[in-house]
Amino acid sequence: MTIDSALSAERKYLSSLLEAIQRCVYFLDAASQNVPWPLTEHILKSRKKDNELFEALAAVNERFSKLQDSLGAAMRHSLILSGEQADSFIKVLAIFEKFKVISSIEDWQIARTARNLTAHDYQTNYAVVAEYFNTLHALTNNLYGMASRFLVYCESQLAVLPLSDDFSVEFRTITASISK
């Protein structure tokens, strides 16, 4: 493998991660449309056998997680192309905080903690479940903003775009109202 083909492979991989980010935003937004925000204990209790509602909540949880995971993987991978050294993820976050892709390391960690609580704490207390999901929902726009700013960073600094335009229009529409 030549240096050029290795670099091309790295760029293509980042492009595929960018498309994955766009796809995650699209499907997270779609799942969120099927939830009556804000959730309350009463809504969850009265609809405790509503498969559509709980499928939508499961989708929100999974898609929020996938978006954050995809964004994290893409940020780490983009550093290979930019020549930045980051031997730990906290250093990756510090670099992207400096580039104003993420507003703060703490914001990233709050989103990570919220998503982990929602994914791993199998509550039957509907008030707690509602609080978990309302927190994820409240953090979603911040995550969308990070995704949008990261795609701008990749285009402007690395000249890397998503692999295809399949989700580009929807991604821009969803993230357009988020403060850049």
Protein backbone atom coordinates (compact mmCIF):
# COMPACT_ATOMS: atom_id res chain seq x y z
CA MET A 1 0.00 0.00 0.00
CA THR A 2 1.40 3.37 -0.97
CA ILE A 3 1.27 6.50 1.19
CA ASP A 4 -1.28 8.02 -1.21
CA SER A 5 -3.56 4.99 -1.04
CA ALA A 6 -3.26 4.83 2.75
CA LEU A 7 -4.18 8.51 3.02
CA SER A 8 -7.05 7.98 0.61
CA ALA A 9 -8.32 5.08 2.72
CA GLU A 10 -8.18 7.22 5.89
CA ARG A 11 -10.09 10.03 4.18
CA LYS A 12 -12.71 7.60 2.85
CA TYR A 13 -13.17 6.10 6.31
CA LEU A 14 -13.70 9.56 7.80
CA SER A 15 -16.18 10.30 4.99
CA SER A 16 -18.15 7.19 5.93
CA LEU A 17 -18.16 8.28 9.58
CA LEU A 18 -19.48 11.71 8.54
CA GLU A 19 -22.30 10.07 6.63
CA ALA A 20 -23.03 7.91 9.69
CA ILE A 21 -23.28 11.07 11.81
CA GLN A 22 -25.76 12.58 9.37
CA ARG A 23 -27.77 9.37 9.34
CA CYS A 24 -27.81 9.25 13.16
CA VAL A 25 -29.11 12.83 13.34
CA TYR A 26 -31.81 12.04 10.79
CA PHE A 27 -33.06 8.93 12.59
CA LEU A 28 -32.77 10.44 16.09
CA ASP A 29 -34.87 13.37 14.93
CA ALA A 30 -37.42 10.99 13.37
CA ALA A 31 -37.68 8.92 16.57
CA SER A 32 -38.02 12.06 18.69
CA GLN A 33 -41.00 13.16 16.60
CA ASN A 34 -42.90 10.12 17.92
CA VAL A 35 -42.57 11.06 21.60
CA PRO A 36 -44.92 13.48 23.38
CA TRP A 37 -42.29 15.80 24.91
CA PRO A 38 -41.93 16.56 27.72
CA LEU A 39 -42.59 13.14 29.14
CA THR A 40 -44.29 12.90 32.50
CA GLU A 41 -44.85 10.14 34.99
CA HIS A 42 -48.56 10.33 34.13
CA ILE A 43 -47.96 9.88 30.38
CA LEU A 44 -45.73 6.87 30.95
CA LYS A 45 -48.08 5.26 33.49
CA SER A 46 -51.15 5.79 31.36
CA ARG A 47 -49.39 4.44 28.28
CA LYS A 48 -47.30 1.72 29.97
CA LYS A 49 -48.45 -0.87 27.41
CA ASP A 50 -48.14 1.44 24.41
CA ASN A 51 -45.65 -0.43 22.28
CA GLU A 52 -45.27 2.46 19.80
CA LEU A 53 -44.30 4.91 22.56
CA PHE A 54 -41.80 2.56 24.16
CA GLU A 55 -40.35 1.58 20.77
CA ALA A 56 -39.86 5.30 20.06
CA LEU A 57 -38.16 5.78 23.44
CA ALA A 58 -35.88 2.80 22.79
CA ALA A 59 -35.04 4.28 19.39
CA VAL A 60 -34.30 7.70 20.92
CA ASN A 61 -31.99 6.08 23.44
CA GLU A 62 -30.16 3.98 20.89
CA ARG A 63 -29.88 6.71 18.28
CA PHE A 64 -28.64 9.29 20.79
CA SER A 65 -25.99 6.77 21.84
CA LYS A 66 -25.05 5.94 18.25
CA LEU A 67 -24.77 9.62 17.38
CA GLN A 68 -22.45 10.32 20.28
CA ASP A 69 -20.40 7.18 19.57
CA SER A 70 -20.14 7.98 15.86
CA LEU A 71 -19.18 11.56 16.56
CA GLY A 72 -16.54 10.47 19.06
CA ALA A 73 -15.06 7.93 16.63
CA ALA A 74 -15.02 10.49 13.83
CA MET A 75 -13.35 13.14 15.99
CA ARG A 76 -10.67 10.67 17.03
CA HIS A 77 -10.15 9.54 13.42
CA SER A 78 -10.00 13.07 12.06
CA LEU A 79 -6.99 13.75 14.26
CA ILE A 80 -5.04 11.17 12.27
CA LEU A 81 -5.61 13.27 9.15
CA SER A 82 -4.92 16.58 10.89
CA GLY A 83 -1.67 15.39 12.44
CA GLU A 84 -2.82 16.17 15.99
CA GLN A 85 -1.63 13.87 18.75
CA ALA A 86 -4.26 12.58 21.16
CA ASP A 87 -3.48 9.43 23.07
CA SER A 88 -6.61 9.63 25.21
CA PHE A 89 -10.17 10.61 24.47
CA ILE A 90 -10.04 13.47 26.97
CA LYS A 91 -7.27 14.95 24.81
CA VAL A 92 -9.46 14.49 21.73
CA LEU A 93 -12.21 16.41 23.51
CA ALA A 94 -9.77 19.14 24.58
CA ILE A 95 -8.63 19.61 20.98
CA PHE A 96 -12.21 19.89 19.73
CA GLU A 97 -13.13 22.23 22.56
CA LYS A 98 -10.24 24.43 21.40
CA PHE A 99 -11.59 24.27 17.81
CA LYS A 100 -15.08 25.15 19.17
CA VAL A 101 -16.59 21.96 17.79
CA ILE A 102 -17.76 21.06 21.29
CA SER A 103 -18.77 23.79 23.70
CA SER A 104 -17.00 22.11 26.61
CA ILE A 105 -15.61 18.79 27.72
CA GLU A 106 -18.16 18.87 30.53
CA ASP A 107 -21.05 19.12 28.05
CA TRP A 108 -19.77 16.00 26.29
CA GLN A 109 -19.41 14.17 29.60
CA ILE A 110 -22.91 15.19 30.74
CA ALA A 111 -24.38 13.80 27.51
CA ARG A 112 -22.35 10.61 27.96
CA THR A 113 -23.50 10.19 31.56
CA ALA A 114 -27.14 10.83 30.70
CA ARG A 115 -27.10 8.37 27.85
CA ASN A 116 -25.39 5.73 30.02
CA LEU A 117 -27.96 6.15 32.78
CA THR A 118 -30.79 5.79 30.32
CA ALA A 119 -29.23 2.76 28.67
CA HIS A 120 -28.19 0.87 31.80
CA ASP A 121 -30.60 1.78 34.61
CA TYR A 122 -33.72 -0.31 34.08
CA GLN A 123 -36.12 1.73 36.16
CA THR A 124 -39.76 0.96 36.70
CA ASN A 125 -40.31 4.29 38.42
CA TYR A 126 -42.02 6.26 35.66
CA ALA A 127 -41.03 9.64 37.13
CA VAL A 128 -37.36 8.63 36.93
CA VAL A 129 -37.76 7.22 33.42
CA ALA A 130 -39.44 10.45 32.29
CA GLU A 131 -36.61 12.49 33.81
CA TYR A 132 -33.97 10.38 32.03
CA PHE A 133 -35.58 10.75 28.65
CA ASN A 134 -36.39 14.43 29.10
CA THR A 135 -32.71 14.97 29.90
CA LEU A 136 -31.65 13.15 26.72
CA HIS A 137 -34.12 15.22 24.75
CA ALA A 138 -32.81 18.45 26.30
CA LEU A 139 -29.24 17.46 25.38
CA THR A 140 -30.08 16.50 21.80
CA ASN A 141 -29.79 19.99 20.30
CA ASN A 142 -26.35 20.40 21.85
CA LEU A 143 -25.28 17.09 20.30
CA TYR A 144 -26.74 18.18 16.94
CA GLY A 145 -24.73 21.40 17.20
CA MET A 146 -21.54 19.44 17.86
CA ALA A 147 -22.25 17.24 14.85
CA SER A 148 -22.89 20.23 12.62
CA ARG A 149 -19.76 22.07 13.74
CA PHE A 150 -17.70 18.89 13.32
CA LEU A 151 -18.84 18.45 9.72
CA VAL A 152 -17.94 22.09 9.04
CA TYR A 153 -14.52 21.48 10.63
CA CYS A 154 -13.92 18.40 8.46
CA GLU A 155 -14.87 20.25 5.30
CA SER A 156 -12.93 23.43 6.03
CA GLN A 157 -9.83 21.96 7.67
CA LEU A 158 -9.51 18.53 6.05
CA ALA A 159 -11.53 18.90 2.82
CA VAL A 160 -13.47 15.78 3.78
CA LEU A 161 -17.20 15.50 3.12
CA PRO A 162 -19.72 12.74 3.88
CA LEU A 163 -19.36 9.73 1.61
CA SER A 164 -22.69 10.51 -0.06
CA ASP A 165 -25.30 13.24 0.01
CA ASP A 166 -28.05 10.79 1.01
CA PHE A 167 -28.71 12.53 4.35
CA SER A 168 -27.10 15.93 3.73
CA VAL A 169 -30.24 17.96 3.03
CA GLU A 170 -32.09 16.55 6.03
CA PHE A 171 -29.02 16.97 8.25
CA ARG A 172 -28.73 20.64 7.31
CA THR A 173 -32.46 21.16 7.85
CA ILE A 174 -32.42 19.53 11.29
CA THR A 175 -29.28 21.31 12.46
CA ALA A 176 -29.99 24.70 10.83
CA SER A 177 -31.82 26.07 13.86
CA ILE A 178 -29.00 25.10 16.22
CA SER A 179 -26.69 27.96 17.06
CA LYS A 180 -23.42 27.51 15.30
